[in-house]
N, C-alpha and C. Protein backbone atom coordinates (compact mmCIF):
# COMPACT_ATOMS: atom_id res chain seq x y z
N MET A 1 -13.45 10.67 -34.75
CA MET A 1 -13.70 10.02 -33.51
C MET A 1 -13.70 11.08 -32.40
N LYS A 2 -12.90 12.02 -32.43
CA LYS A 2 -12.93 13.18 -31.48
C LYS A 2 -14.26 13.64 -31.38
N GLN A 3 -14.79 14.21 -32.44
CA GLN A 3 -16.07 14.94 -32.55
C GLN A 3 -17.27 13.90 -32.07
N PHE A 4 -17.12 12.72 -32.48
CA PHE A 4 -18.08 11.67 -32.11
C PHE A 4 -18.13 11.52 -30.58
N THR A 5 -16.98 11.40 -29.98
CA THR A 5 -16.78 11.24 -28.56
C THR A 5 -17.40 12.45 -27.83
N LEU A 6 -17.08 13.53 -28.29
CA LEU A 6 -17.58 14.80 -27.62
C LEU A 6 -19.11 14.89 -27.74
N ILE A 7 -19.75 14.58 -29.00
CA ILE A 7 -21.11 14.61 -29.08
C ILE A 7 -21.85 13.60 -28.15
N ILE A 8 -21.29 12.25 -28.04
CA ILE A 8 -21.93 11.31 -27.17
C ILE A 8 -21.69 11.78 -25.78
N ALA A 9 -20.64 12.29 -25.47
CA ALA A 9 -20.46 12.80 -24.01
C ALA A 9 -21.48 13.78 -23.69
N GLY A 10 -21.78 14.82 -24.52
CA GLY A 10 -22.94 15.78 -24.34
C GLY A 10 -24.23 15.14 -24.27
N PHE A 11 -24.50 14.27 -25.13
CA PHE A 11 -25.77 13.56 -25.23
C PHE A 11 -25.95 12.66 -23.75
N TYR A 12 -24.99 11.95 -23.51
CA TYR A 12 -25.05 11.28 -22.22
C TYR A 12 -25.24 12.16 -21.07
N GLY A 13 -24.49 13.32 -20.97
CA GLY A 13 -24.73 14.26 -19.99
C GLY A 13 -26.09 14.87 -20.01
N LEU A 14 -26.61 15.20 -21.11
CA LEU A 14 -27.98 15.85 -21.11
C LEU A 14 -29.03 14.73 -20.79
N ILE A 15 -29.00 13.55 -21.25
CA ILE A 15 -29.90 12.56 -20.85
C ILE A 15 -29.79 12.20 -19.31
N THR A 16 -28.67 12.21 -18.80
CA THR A 16 -28.39 11.98 -17.41
C THR A 16 -29.17 13.00 -16.57
N ILE A 17 -29.13 14.27 -16.89
CA ILE A 17 -29.82 15.33 -16.21
C ILE A 17 -31.22 15.25 -16.34
N ILE A 18 -31.70 15.00 -17.50
CA ILE A 18 -33.21 14.86 -17.65
C ILE A 18 -33.77 13.67 -16.88
N LEU A 19 -33.10 12.47 -17.02
CA LEU A 19 -33.56 11.36 -16.33
C LEU A 19 -33.37 11.47 -14.91
N GLY A 20 -32.27 12.12 -14.41
CA GLY A 20 -31.86 12.16 -12.99
C GLY A 20 -33.14 13.04 -12.33
N ALA A 21 -33.54 14.12 -13.01
CA ALA A 21 -34.60 15.03 -12.58
C ALA A 21 -36.00 14.26 -12.56
N LEU A 22 -36.20 13.51 -13.59
CA LEU A 22 -37.55 12.74 -13.52
C LEU A 22 -37.37 11.75 -12.44
N GLY A 23 -36.28 10.94 -12.22
CA GLY A 23 -36.28 10.05 -11.15
C GLY A 23 -36.35 10.61 -9.78
N SER A 24 -35.87 11.95 -9.60
CA SER A 24 -36.01 12.63 -8.32
C SER A 24 -37.42 12.92 -8.01
N HIS A 25 -38.25 13.07 -9.03
CA HIS A 25 -39.60 13.67 -9.02
C HIS A 25 -40.67 12.68 -9.38
N ALA A 26 -40.77 12.62 -10.68
CA ALA A 26 -41.88 11.91 -11.26
C ALA A 26 -41.84 10.38 -11.06
N PHE A 27 -40.58 9.81 -11.27
CA PHE A 27 -40.47 8.37 -11.20
C PHE A 27 -40.61 7.85 -9.87
N LYS A 28 -40.43 8.67 -8.79
CA LYS A 28 -40.63 8.13 -7.43
C LYS A 28 -42.03 7.66 -7.21
N LYS A 29 -42.90 8.11 -7.79
CA LYS A 29 -44.38 7.88 -7.71
C LYS A 29 -44.73 6.69 -8.46
N ILE A 30 -43.85 6.17 -9.36
CA ILE A 30 -44.34 4.96 -10.19
C ILE A 30 -43.36 3.78 -10.08
N LEU A 31 -42.17 4.00 -9.53
CA LEU A 31 -41.29 2.93 -9.29
C LEU A 31 -41.11 2.57 -7.93
N SER A 32 -40.83 1.28 -7.55
CA SER A 32 -40.61 0.76 -6.30
C SER A 32 -39.22 1.39 -5.72
N VAL A 33 -39.03 1.26 -4.62
CA VAL A 33 -37.77 1.71 -4.07
C VAL A 33 -36.51 0.96 -4.58
N ASP A 34 -36.71 -0.31 -4.85
CA ASP A 34 -35.58 -1.22 -5.37
C ASP A 34 -35.42 -0.73 -6.91
N LYS A 35 -36.52 -0.49 -7.61
CA LYS A 35 -36.31 -0.22 -9.00
C LYS A 35 -35.76 1.20 -9.11
N LEU A 36 -36.04 2.15 -8.28
CA LEU A 36 -35.52 3.40 -8.30
C LEU A 36 -34.04 3.36 -7.94
N ALA A 37 -33.60 2.68 -7.00
CA ALA A 37 -32.22 2.51 -6.64
C ALA A 37 -31.46 2.01 -7.83
N SER A 38 -31.92 1.07 -8.61
CA SER A 38 -31.34 0.50 -9.61
C SER A 38 -31.33 1.63 -10.83
N PHE A 39 -32.44 2.34 -10.99
CA PHE A 39 -32.44 3.37 -11.97
C PHE A 39 -31.22 4.44 -11.63
N GLU A 40 -31.13 4.73 -10.41
CA GLU A 40 -30.08 5.67 -10.00
C GLU A 40 -28.69 5.16 -10.13
N VAL A 41 -28.42 4.00 -10.18
CA VAL A 41 -27.08 3.34 -10.34
C VAL A 41 -26.78 3.53 -11.92
N GLY A 42 -27.74 3.35 -12.75
CA GLY A 42 -27.73 3.64 -14.27
C GLY A 42 -27.24 4.99 -14.42
N ILE A 43 -28.05 6.00 -13.67
CA ILE A 43 -27.84 7.45 -13.78
C ILE A 43 -26.42 7.81 -13.48
N ARG A 44 -25.98 7.28 -12.26
CA ARG A 44 -24.55 7.61 -11.87
C ARG A 44 -23.60 7.11 -12.85
N TYR A 45 -23.54 5.88 -13.33
CA TYR A 45 -22.50 5.39 -14.15
C TYR A 45 -22.56 6.09 -15.54
N GLN A 46 -23.79 6.53 -15.94
CA GLN A 46 -23.88 7.31 -17.15
C GLN A 46 -23.24 8.81 -16.95
N MET A 47 -23.50 9.32 -15.91
CA MET A 47 -22.82 10.67 -15.60
C MET A 47 -21.31 10.53 -15.46
N TYR A 48 -20.91 9.50 -14.75
CA TYR A 48 -19.36 9.42 -14.68
C TYR A 48 -18.84 9.19 -16.04
N HIS A 49 -19.35 8.39 -16.92
CA HIS A 49 -18.65 8.13 -18.14
C HIS A 49 -18.99 9.29 -19.11
N ALA A 50 -20.10 10.02 -18.95
CA ALA A 50 -20.22 11.22 -19.77
C ALA A 50 -18.90 12.29 -19.53
N ILE A 51 -18.65 12.35 -18.22
CA ILE A 51 -17.57 13.29 -17.95
C ILE A 51 -16.31 12.78 -18.42
N VAL A 52 -16.09 11.44 -18.17
CA VAL A 52 -14.92 10.89 -18.78
C VAL A 52 -14.74 11.04 -20.25
N LEU A 53 -15.80 10.80 -20.99
CA LEU A 53 -15.76 10.87 -22.36
C LEU A 53 -15.58 12.30 -22.79
N LEU A 54 -16.09 13.33 -22.12
CA LEU A 54 -15.89 14.64 -22.38
C LEU A 54 -14.28 15.00 -22.28
N ILE A 55 -13.62 14.48 -21.22
CA ILE A 55 -12.26 14.72 -20.91
C ILE A 55 -11.62 14.05 -22.10
N LEU A 56 -11.77 12.83 -22.39
CA LEU A 56 -11.15 12.10 -23.50
C LEU A 56 -11.21 12.93 -24.75
N GLY A 57 -12.45 13.23 -25.02
CA GLY A 57 -12.68 13.98 -26.32
C GLY A 57 -11.91 15.30 -26.32
N LEU A 58 -11.73 15.94 -25.29
CA LEU A 58 -10.99 17.32 -25.21
C LEU A 58 -9.51 17.01 -25.26
N PHE A 59 -8.98 15.97 -24.61
CA PHE A 59 -7.60 15.91 -24.58
C PHE A 59 -6.82 14.83 -25.36
N LEU A 60 -7.68 13.83 -25.91
CA LEU A 60 -6.90 12.85 -26.67
C LEU A 60 -7.00 13.26 -28.30
N SER A 61 -6.11 12.76 -28.96
CA SER A 61 -5.98 13.11 -30.53
C SER A 61 -6.75 11.94 -31.23
N PHE A 62 -6.91 10.81 -30.75
CA PHE A 62 -7.51 9.62 -31.29
C PHE A 62 -6.77 9.28 -32.61
N THR A 63 -5.44 9.33 -32.46
CA THR A 63 -4.50 8.81 -33.64
C THR A 63 -4.14 7.46 -33.40
N THR A 64 -4.32 6.87 -32.26
CA THR A 64 -3.98 5.52 -32.08
C THR A 64 -5.05 4.55 -31.87
N PRO A 65 -5.05 3.31 -32.07
CA PRO A 65 -6.15 2.40 -31.90
C PRO A 65 -6.61 2.34 -30.34
N LEU A 66 -5.68 2.53 -29.48
CA LEU A 66 -5.82 2.43 -28.13
C LEU A 66 -6.83 3.52 -27.70
N GLU A 67 -6.49 4.71 -28.27
CA GLU A 67 -7.39 5.90 -27.96
C GLU A 67 -8.79 5.75 -28.64
N ARG A 68 -8.91 5.23 -29.80
CA ARG A 68 -10.27 5.06 -30.48
C ARG A 68 -11.03 4.01 -29.70
N TRP A 69 -10.35 2.76 -29.58
CA TRP A 69 -11.09 1.73 -28.92
C TRP A 69 -11.39 1.97 -27.37
N SER A 70 -10.60 2.65 -26.63
CA SER A 70 -11.09 2.88 -25.29
C SER A 70 -12.36 3.70 -25.29
N SER A 71 -12.21 4.71 -26.16
CA SER A 71 -13.53 5.69 -26.26
C SER A 71 -14.66 4.81 -26.65
N LEU A 72 -14.46 4.00 -27.70
CA LEU A 72 -15.70 3.33 -28.30
C LEU A 72 -16.28 2.31 -27.21
N CYS A 73 -15.34 1.57 -26.48
CA CYS A 73 -15.75 0.70 -25.54
C CYS A 73 -16.45 1.34 -24.40
N LEU A 74 -16.13 2.51 -24.02
CA LEU A 74 -16.75 3.30 -22.98
C LEU A 74 -18.14 3.79 -23.49
N ILE A 75 -18.12 4.23 -24.68
CA ILE A 75 -19.36 4.58 -25.26
C ILE A 75 -20.45 3.45 -25.29
N ILE A 76 -19.96 2.28 -25.82
CA ILE A 76 -20.93 1.12 -25.96
C ILE A 76 -21.32 0.52 -24.54
N GLY A 77 -20.32 0.46 -23.68
CA GLY A 77 -20.48 -0.06 -22.37
C GLY A 77 -21.42 0.84 -21.60
N THR A 78 -21.30 2.18 -21.62
CA THR A 78 -22.28 3.05 -21.03
C THR A 78 -23.66 2.84 -21.46
N PHE A 79 -23.78 2.65 -22.79
CA PHE A 79 -25.09 2.58 -23.29
C PHE A 79 -25.71 1.15 -22.90
N LEU A 80 -25.04 0.16 -22.94
CA LEU A 80 -25.53 -1.23 -22.59
C LEU A 80 -25.85 -1.27 -21.18
N PHE A 81 -24.97 -0.63 -20.43
CA PHE A 81 -25.17 -0.79 -19.02
C PHE A 81 -26.34 -0.03 -18.41
N SER A 82 -26.16 1.24 -18.73
CA SER A 82 -27.17 2.17 -18.18
C SER A 82 -28.54 2.00 -18.71
N PHE A 83 -28.50 1.92 -20.08
CA PHE A 83 -30.02 1.90 -20.67
C PHE A 83 -30.69 0.52 -20.40
N THR A 84 -29.97 -0.56 -20.29
CA THR A 84 -30.74 -1.68 -19.87
C THR A 84 -31.34 -1.69 -18.43
N ILE A 85 -30.42 -1.03 -17.56
CA ILE A 85 -30.94 -0.79 -16.30
C ILE A 85 -32.20 0.13 -16.24
N TYR A 86 -32.24 1.13 -17.11
CA TYR A 86 -33.49 1.98 -17.15
C TYR A 86 -34.67 1.25 -17.73
N PHE A 87 -34.52 0.37 -18.69
CA PHE A 87 -35.60 -0.38 -19.11
C PHE A 87 -36.06 -1.58 -18.18
N LEU A 88 -35.12 -2.25 -17.59
CA LEU A 88 -35.48 -3.17 -16.70
C LEU A 88 -36.21 -2.59 -15.29
N ALA A 89 -35.81 -1.33 -15.00
CA ALA A 89 -36.50 -0.67 -13.88
C ALA A 89 -38.00 -0.41 -14.26
N PHE A 90 -38.15 -0.14 -15.52
CA PHE A 90 -39.56 0.22 -15.93
C PHE A 90 -40.26 -0.92 -16.32
N SER A 91 -39.69 -2.16 -16.53
CA SER A 91 -40.44 -3.23 -17.14
C SER A 91 -41.76 -3.70 -16.25
N GLU A 92 -41.67 -3.53 -14.88
CA GLU A 92 -42.84 -3.87 -14.27
C GLU A 92 -43.99 -2.93 -14.46
N TYR A 93 -43.55 -1.54 -14.52
CA TYR A 93 -44.41 -0.48 -14.57
C TYR A 93 -45.14 -0.57 -15.95
N TRP A 94 -44.39 -0.89 -16.97
CA TRP A 94 -44.98 -1.03 -18.31
C TRP A 94 -45.62 -2.43 -18.63
N ASN A 95 -45.51 -3.38 -17.71
CA ASN A 95 -46.00 -4.59 -17.70
C ASN A 95 -45.51 -5.35 -18.88
N ILE A 96 -44.22 -5.17 -19.21
CA ILE A 96 -43.52 -5.93 -20.24
C ILE A 96 -42.46 -6.68 -19.67
N ASN A 97 -42.31 -7.98 -20.19
CA ASN A 97 -41.31 -8.83 -19.84
C ASN A 97 -39.88 -8.49 -20.48
N LEU A 98 -39.13 -7.74 -19.77
CA LEU A 98 -37.76 -7.45 -20.33
C LEU A 98 -36.64 -8.22 -19.72
N LYS A 99 -36.76 -9.34 -19.21
CA LYS A 99 -35.72 -10.08 -18.46
C LYS A 99 -34.71 -10.56 -19.34
N PHE A 100 -34.98 -10.62 -20.64
CA PHE A 100 -33.88 -10.96 -21.53
C PHE A 100 -32.83 -9.80 -21.57
N LEU A 101 -33.05 -8.60 -21.07
CA LEU A 101 -32.11 -7.57 -21.15
C LEU A 101 -31.11 -7.72 -19.97
N GLY A 102 -31.50 -8.67 -18.78
CA GLY A 102 -30.66 -8.87 -17.62
C GLY A 102 -29.21 -9.28 -17.89
N PRO A 103 -29.00 -10.11 -19.02
CA PRO A 103 -27.62 -10.46 -19.23
C PRO A 103 -26.90 -9.42 -20.09
N VAL A 104 -27.64 -8.51 -20.58
CA VAL A 104 -26.98 -7.39 -21.42
C VAL A 104 -26.34 -6.39 -20.46
N THR A 105 -26.79 -6.09 -19.36
CA THR A 105 -26.27 -5.31 -18.35
C THR A 105 -24.85 -5.63 -18.06
N PRO A 106 -24.40 -6.79 -17.64
CA PRO A 106 -23.03 -7.15 -17.40
C PRO A 106 -22.17 -7.14 -18.53
N ILE A 107 -22.78 -7.35 -19.84
CA ILE A 107 -22.00 -7.16 -21.09
C ILE A 107 -21.55 -5.67 -21.05
N GLY A 108 -22.44 -4.82 -20.86
CA GLY A 108 -22.04 -3.31 -20.80
C GLY A 108 -20.97 -3.18 -19.81
N GLY A 109 -21.12 -3.78 -18.52
CA GLY A 109 -20.06 -3.58 -17.59
C GLY A 109 -18.68 -4.15 -18.20
N VAL A 110 -18.75 -5.29 -18.87
CA VAL A 110 -17.43 -5.82 -19.57
C VAL A 110 -16.90 -4.79 -20.47
N PHE A 111 -17.67 -4.17 -21.25
CA PHE A 111 -17.21 -3.10 -22.18
C PHE A 111 -16.75 -2.03 -21.45
N LEU A 112 -17.17 -1.54 -20.36
CA LEU A 112 -16.58 -0.50 -19.46
C LEU A 112 -15.26 -0.78 -19.05
N ILE A 113 -15.13 -2.14 -18.54
CA ILE A 113 -13.93 -2.66 -17.90
C ILE A 113 -12.83 -2.57 -19.10
N ILE A 114 -13.20 -3.19 -20.25
CA ILE A 114 -12.29 -3.16 -21.35
C ILE A 114 -11.79 -1.74 -21.79
N GLY A 115 -12.83 -0.76 -21.80
CA GLY A 115 -12.47 0.53 -22.21
C GLY A 115 -11.49 1.22 -21.14
N TRP A 116 -11.75 0.93 -19.80
CA TRP A 116 -10.70 1.37 -18.85
C TRP A 116 -9.45 0.71 -18.98
N VAL A 117 -9.34 -0.55 -19.18
CA VAL A 117 -8.09 -1.29 -19.40
C VAL A 117 -7.26 -0.60 -20.54
N LEU A 118 -8.01 -0.48 -21.78
CA LEU A 118 -7.34 0.09 -22.87
C LEU A 118 -6.87 1.57 -22.50
N LEU A 119 -7.64 2.25 -21.76
CA LEU A 119 -7.23 3.64 -21.51
C LEU A 119 -5.97 3.60 -20.50
N ILE A 120 -5.91 2.69 -19.68
CA ILE A 120 -4.69 2.58 -18.81
C ILE A 120 -3.49 2.11 -19.58
N THR A 121 -3.74 1.16 -20.54
CA THR A 121 -2.52 0.67 -21.46
C THR A 121 -2.12 1.86 -22.18
N TYR A 122 -3.09 2.74 -22.78
CA TYR A 122 -2.56 3.94 -23.57
C TYR A 122 -1.78 4.82 -22.67
N PHE A 123 -2.13 5.08 -21.38
CA PHE A 123 -1.43 6.05 -20.60
C PHE A 123 -0.03 5.36 -20.24
N VAL A 124 -0.10 4.16 -19.98
CA VAL A 124 1.20 3.50 -19.71
C VAL A 124 2.24 3.63 -20.81
N LYS A 125 1.63 3.51 -22.09
CA LYS A 125 2.66 3.44 -23.41
C LYS A 125 2.81 4.94 -23.81
N SER A 126 2.16 5.93 -23.40
CA SER A 126 2.30 7.26 -23.83
C SER A 126 3.46 7.90 -23.13
N LYS A 127 4.04 8.83 -23.93
CA LYS A 127 5.18 9.67 -23.50
C LYS A 127 4.55 11.06 -23.44
N PHE A 128 4.17 11.45 -22.25
CA PHE A 128 3.62 12.77 -22.13
C PHE A 128 4.72 13.87 -21.83
């Protein structure tokens, strides 16, 4: 789980940099101001959680269920939250109805919340 968390952290960081650069330049020409703002929220949350996952991967041992589940919930939550925002931002440009993804974004948010609650629980229970 440690290596998996670090690989996902690196992947999320890489994708964030690429999408952020495209959003600052190329996507400004094709997305409305509102869609671009939503896209940037996805970017921001993805980068925050890439950094958190990197730190978790470096410092946790992943020997307890709390460690493993907090990491997994943050990974799943980041994917569901940010990537649905990206697709929804582009749905108009692609002329595809992706409104069914709308309810998935808050599910990603719930996974993020659960991941953070599990992480706090782990810190409270741990003897450092």
